[in-house]
């Protein structure tokens, strides 16, 4: 019996550092998706035009919306992958338990969310720079000047939603790991429920979108996203604790 007592905090720190080094492929896929998002955005995310007196004006809008959407998809899929057996077995090089494994996963996903959210926001500026430098345009207007506080606020919101996508993916992955049948049932239930709500003209989907996306208060947006993520991660942790230490 070892006389050394392993502290939970120290164990979680070591596991998190190990995962940051070992899961580099996750960040490589993020770079690839964001580059693709920038390329897809080169034609603009919207266009409008008008003409009068033998003169026509065409306006193309550029933003990082596509990059942000791809980043959310990346976060969701990456969180599911972290729950798979191949990733779980990496923890067994440490003296570990389910709690420390889950905590290190959550911290890793929080760090990944910060990286993904910040790079997604910055990609919008890179996109405009590329368009301005390499594409011909008679006139380019960058819109109203953004304050640093607005950029930081936007980045925080994107980081939070990326973290929320991680939480949703982690919960679904944890459910799927309890029984292989859930791997098929979960997407069927989610897609089927969504289609039924849309076909029945239910206001639930609209309400959920408005609840999270169209909140005017910055603080309330943070609180809604944060507590929803905490709830999802708590459920995922409780479910994974029902499994044995090594599966």
Protein backbone atom coordinates (compact mmCIF):
# COMPACT_ATOMS: atom_id res chain seq x y z
CA UNK A 1 0.00 0.00 0.00
CA UNK A 2 1.45 3.37 -1.03
CA UNK A 3 2.03 5.99 1.67
CA UNK A 4 1.67 8.78 -0.90
CA UNK A 5 -1.79 10.32 -0.94
CA UNK A 6 -2.79 11.55 -4.38
CA UNK A 7 -4.67 14.83 -4.18
CA UNK A 8 -7.60 15.31 -6.54
CA UNK A 9 -6.50 18.77 -7.64
CA UNK A 10 -2.97 17.64 -8.49
CA UNK A 11 -4.28 14.61 -10.36
CA UNK A 12 -6.73 16.71 -12.39
CA UNK A 13 -3.92 19.14 -13.23
CA UNK A 14 -1.64 16.36 -14.49
CA UNK A 15 -4.41 14.78 -16.54
CA UNK A 16 -5.35 18.13 -18.08
CA UNK A 17 -1.73 18.85 -19.04
CA UNK A 18 -1.45 15.37 -20.54
CA UNK A 19 -4.62 15.85 -22.59
CA UNK A 20 -3.51 19.24 -23.87
CA UNK A 21 -0.37 17.55 -25.25
CA UNK A 22 -1.99 14.35 -26.44
CA UNK A 23 -5.18 15.67 -28.04
CA UNK A 24 -3.40 17.97 -30.48
CA UNK A 25 -5.35 16.39 -33.33
CA UNK A 26 -8.49 18.08 -32.03
CA UNK A 27 -6.89 21.49 -32.46
CA UNK A 28 -5.56 20.54 -35.89
CA UNK A 29 -9.10 19.76 -37.02
CA UNK A 30 -10.21 23.14 -35.63
CA UNK A 31 -7.65 24.92 -37.80
CA UNK A 32 -8.74 23.00 -40.89
CA UNK A 33 -12.45 23.74 -40.31
CA UNK A 34 -11.85 27.43 -39.65
CA UNK A 35 -9.72 27.79 -42.77
CA UNK A 36 -12.52 26.10 -44.74
CA UNK A 37 -15.00 28.48 -43.12
CA UNK A 38 -12.94 31.47 -44.25
CA UNK A 39 -12.74 30.07 -47.79
CA UNK A 40 -16.51 29.49 -47.89
CA UNK A 41 -17.02 33.07 -46.68
CA UNK A 42 -14.98 34.67 -49.46
CA UNK A 43 -18.11 35.00 -51.59
CA UNK A 44 -19.85 36.70 -48.69
CA UNK A 45 -22.59 35.59 -46.35
CA UNK A 46 -25.21 37.82 -47.92
CA UNK A 47 -25.77 40.08 -50.89
CA UNK A 48 -28.14 42.82 -51.91
CA UNK A 49 -28.31 45.27 -54.75
CA UNK A 50 -30.28 48.03 -56.39
CA UNK A 51 -30.26 50.02 -59.59
CA UNK A 52 -31.56 53.40 -60.72
CA UNK A 53 -30.77 55.94 -63.42
CA UNK A 54 -28.50 53.57 -65.35
CA UNK A 55 -26.48 52.90 -62.20
CA UNK A 56 -26.37 49.68 -60.22
CA UNK A 57 -25.02 49.02 -56.76
CA UNK A 58 -24.19 45.56 -55.42
CA UNK A 59 -23.43 45.07 -51.73
CA UNK A 60 -21.79 41.90 -50.36
CA UNK A 61 -21.68 41.23 -46.62
CA UNK A 62 -18.71 39.49 -45.01
CA UNK A 63 -18.68 38.02 -41.52
CA UNK A 64 -17.33 35.08 -39.55
CA UNK A 65 -20.77 33.44 -39.18
CA UNK A 66 -19.80 30.33 -41.15
CA UNK A 67 -16.58 29.99 -39.14
CA UNK A 68 -18.52 30.24 -35.87
CA UNK A 69 -21.02 27.58 -36.99
CA UNK A 70 -18.22 25.21 -38.02
CA UNK A 71 -16.50 25.86 -34.68
CA UNK A 72 -19.69 24.89 -32.83
CA UNK A 73 -19.94 21.68 -34.87
CA UNK A 74 -16.26 20.97 -34.13
CA UNK A 75 -16.84 21.45 -30.40
CA UNK A 76 -19.89 19.17 -30.39
CA UNK A 77 -18.17 16.33 -32.27
CA UNK A 78 -14.89 16.67 -30.34
CA UNK A 79 -16.74 16.39 -27.03
CA UNK A 80 -18.43 13.19 -28.20
CA UNK A 81 -15.06 11.75 -29.25
CA UNK A 82 -13.57 12.46 -25.82
CA UNK A 83 -16.14 10.14 -24.25
CA UNK A 84 -15.19 7.18 -26.46
CA UNK A 85 -13.23 4.22 -25.13
CA UNK A 86 -10.05 5.10 -27.02
CA UNK A 87 -9.85 8.47 -25.27
CA UNK A 88 -10.98 7.17 -21.87
CA UNK A 89 -8.20 4.59 -21.75
CA UNK A 90 -5.61 7.37 -21.93
CA UNK A 91 -6.52 8.23 -18.33
CA UNK A 92 -5.41 4.84 -17.07
CA UNK A 93 -1.73 5.76 -17.18
CA UNK A 94 -2.60 7.75 -14.04
CA UNK A 95 -4.00 6.67 -10.69
CA UNK A 96 -7.43 7.96 -11.54
CA UNK A 97 -11.15 7.78 -10.97
CA UNK A 98 -14.25 8.91 -12.86
CA UNK A 99 -14.40 12.26 -11.07
CA UNK A 100 -10.85 13.31 -11.89
CA UNK A 101 -11.27 12.09 -15.46
CA UNK A 102 -14.46 14.10 -15.94
CA UNK A 103 -13.03 17.21 -14.32
CA UNK A 104 -9.91 17.10 -16.51
CA UNK A 105 -12.11 16.60 -19.58
CA UNK A 106 -14.24 19.60 -18.66
CA UNK A 107 -11.18 21.80 -18.07
CA UNK A 108 -9.70 20.64 -21.37
CA UNK A 109 -12.94 21.48 -23.18
CA UNK A 110 -13.07 24.88 -21.46
CA UNK A 111 -9.55 25.66 -22.73
CA UNK A 112 -10.47 24.34 -26.19
CA UNK A 113 -13.59 26.54 -26.14
CA UNK A 114 -11.51 29.62 -25.37
CA UNK A 115 -9.13 28.83 -28.23
CA UNK A 116 -11.97 28.02 -30.63
CA UNK A 117 -14.03 31.08 -29.68
CA UNK A 118 -11.17 33.56 -29.89
CA UNK A 119 -9.90 32.24 -33.23
CA UNK A 120 -13.45 32.24 -34.63
CA UNK A 121 -13.89 35.92 -33.75
CA UNK A 122 -10.45 36.87 -35.09
CA UNK A 123 -11.16 35.02 -38.33
CA UNK A 124 -13.71 37.71 -39.16
CA UNK A 125 -10.97 40.33 -39.24
CA UNK A 126 -8.72 38.01 -41.23
CA UNK A 127 -11.51 37.42 -43.74
CA UNK A 128 -11.99 41.15 -44.32
CA UNK A 129 -8.24 41.64 -44.66
CA UNK A 130 -8.01 38.87 -47.28
CA UNK A 131 -10.95 40.30 -49.25
CA UNK A 132 -9.54 43.82 -49.08
CA UNK A 133 -6.04 42.69 -50.14
CA UNK A 134 -6.69 40.09 -52.84
CA UNK A 135 -10.12 40.85 -54.28
CA UNK A 136 -11.11 43.75 -56.43
CA UNK A 137 -13.72 46.03 -54.97
CA UNK A 138 -14.72 49.51 -56.01
CA UNK A 139 -15.52 50.39 -52.42
CA UNK A 140 -15.19 48.57 -49.12
CA UNK A 141 -16.79 49.71 -45.91
CA UNK A 142 -15.92 47.96 -42.66
CA UNK A 143 -19.11 49.06 -40.95
CA UNK A 144 -19.36 51.02 -37.74
CA UNK A 145 -16.19 51.09 -35.70
CA UNK A 146 -16.22 48.43 -33.00
CA UNK A 147 -15.01 49.24 -29.53
CA UNK A 148 -12.55 46.89 -27.90
CA UNK A 149 -15.16 46.13 -25.25
CA UNK A 150 -17.60 45.03 -27.99
CA UNK A 151 -15.02 42.71 -29.54
CA UNK A 152 -14.21 41.22 -26.13
CA UNK A 153 -17.92 40.85 -25.33
CA UNK A 154 -18.56 39.09 -28.65
CA UNK A 155 -15.63 36.77 -28.05
CA UNK A 156 -16.93 35.88 -24.57
CA UNK A 157 -20.37 35.02 -25.95
CA UNK A 158 -18.89 32.85 -28.73
CA UNK A 159 -16.61 31.09 -26.21
CA UNK A 160 -19.63 30.40 -24.01
CA UNK A 161 -21.66 28.91 -26.87
CA UNK A 162 -18.71 26.77 -27.96
CA UNK A 163 -18.46 25.53 -24.36
CA UNK A 164 -22.21 24.87 -24.41
CA UNK A 165 -21.81 22.83 -27.61
CA UNK A 166 -19.06 20.85 -25.84
CA UNK A 167 -21.39 20.21 -22.91
CA UNK A 168 -24.17 18.95 -25.20
CA UNK A 169 -21.76 16.67 -27.06
CA UNK A 170 -20.25 15.38 -23.82
CA UNK A 171 -23.67 14.49 -22.43
CA UNK A 172 -24.72 12.71 -25.62
CA UNK A 173 -21.39 10.87 -25.74
CA UNK A 174 -21.76 9.80 -22.10
CA UNK A 175 -25.28 8.49 -22.78
CA UNK A 176 -24.05 6.61 -25.84
CA UNK A 177 -21.25 4.96 -23.85
CA UNK A 178 -23.72 3.42 -21.40
CA UNK A 179 -25.21 1.25 -24.09
CA UNK A 180 -24.19 0.87 -27.74
CA UNK A 181 -27.84 1.08 -28.78
CA UNK A 182 -27.89 4.72 -27.67
CA UNK A 183 -25.37 5.54 -30.43
CA UNK A 184 -28.21 4.95 -32.90
CA UNK A 185 -31.13 5.99 -30.70
CA UNK A 186 -29.81 9.38 -29.56
CA UNK A 187 -29.48 10.98 -33.04
CA UNK A 188 -32.77 9.39 -34.12
CA UNK A 189 -34.56 10.81 -31.06
CA UNK A 190 -32.99 14.26 -31.43
CA UNK A 191 -33.68 14.52 -35.19
CA UNK A 192 -37.14 12.96 -34.88
CA UNK A 193 -38.16 15.27 -32.04
CA UNK A 194 -36.94 18.32 -33.97
CA UNK A 195 -38.88 17.30 -37.08
CA UNK A 196 -42.03 16.62 -35.08
CA UNK A 197 -41.83 20.01 -33.41
CA UNK A 198 -41.37 21.71 -36.76
CA UNK A 199 -44.22 19.76 -38.40
CA UNK A 200 -46.57 20.45 -35.52
CA UNK A 201 -45.80 24.17 -35.68
CA UNK A 202 -44.67 24.01 -32.07
CA UNK A 203 -43.29 27.19 -30.58
CA UNK A 204 -40.86 25.25 -28.38
CA UNK A 205 -38.01 25.33 -30.92
CA UNK A 206 -38.56 29.04 -31.55
CA UNK A 207 -38.68 29.69 -27.81
CA UNK A 208 -35.42 27.82 -27.21
CA UNK A 209 -33.67 29.75 -29.99
CA UNK A 210 -34.97 33.05 -28.64
CA UNK A 211 -34.08 32.02 -25.09
CA UNK A 212 -30.40 31.53 -25.91
CA UNK A 213 -29.71 33.52 -29.08
CA UNK A 214 -31.91 36.63 -28.92
CA UNK A 215 -31.24 37.62 -25.33
CA UNK A 216 -30.58 41.38 -25.22
CA UNK A 217 -28.87 41.38 -21.83
CA UNK A 218 -25.19 40.42 -21.99
CA UNK A 219 -25.19 39.25 -18.36
CA UNK A 220 -28.31 37.13 -18.82
CA UNK A 221 -26.79 35.49 -21.91
CA UNK A 222 -23.75 34.55 -19.86
CA UNK A 223 -25.83 33.19 -17.01
CA UNK A 224 -28.13 31.17 -19.27
CA UNK A 225 -25.27 29.61 -21.21
CA UNK A 226 -23.09 28.97 -18.15
CA UNK A 227 -25.75 27.30 -16.00
CA UNK A 228 -27.01 25.22 -18.93
CA UNK A 229 -23.46 24.00 -19.56
CA UNK A 230 -23.01 23.23 -15.84
CA UNK A 231 -26.26 21.25 -15.86
CA UNK A 232 -25.27 19.23 -18.94
CA UNK A 233 -21.79 18.48 -17.60
CA UNK A 234 -23.26 17.48 -14.21
CA UNK A 235 -25.64 15.03 -15.87
CA UNK A 236 -22.81 13.61 -17.99
CA UNK A 237 -20.62 13.18 -14.89
CA UNK A 238 -23.40 11.44 -12.95
CA UNK A 239 -24.01 9.07 -15.87
CA UNK A 240 -20.34 8.24 -16.32
CA UNK A 241 -19.93 7.61 -12.58
CA UNK A 242 -22.38 4.73 -12.94
CA UNK A 243 -19.84 2.92 -15.10
CA UNK A 244 -16.97 0.99 -13.63
CA UNK A 245 -13.57 2.67 -13.37
CA UNK A 246 -12.35 0.76 -16.42
CA UNK A 247 -14.69 -0.34 -19.18
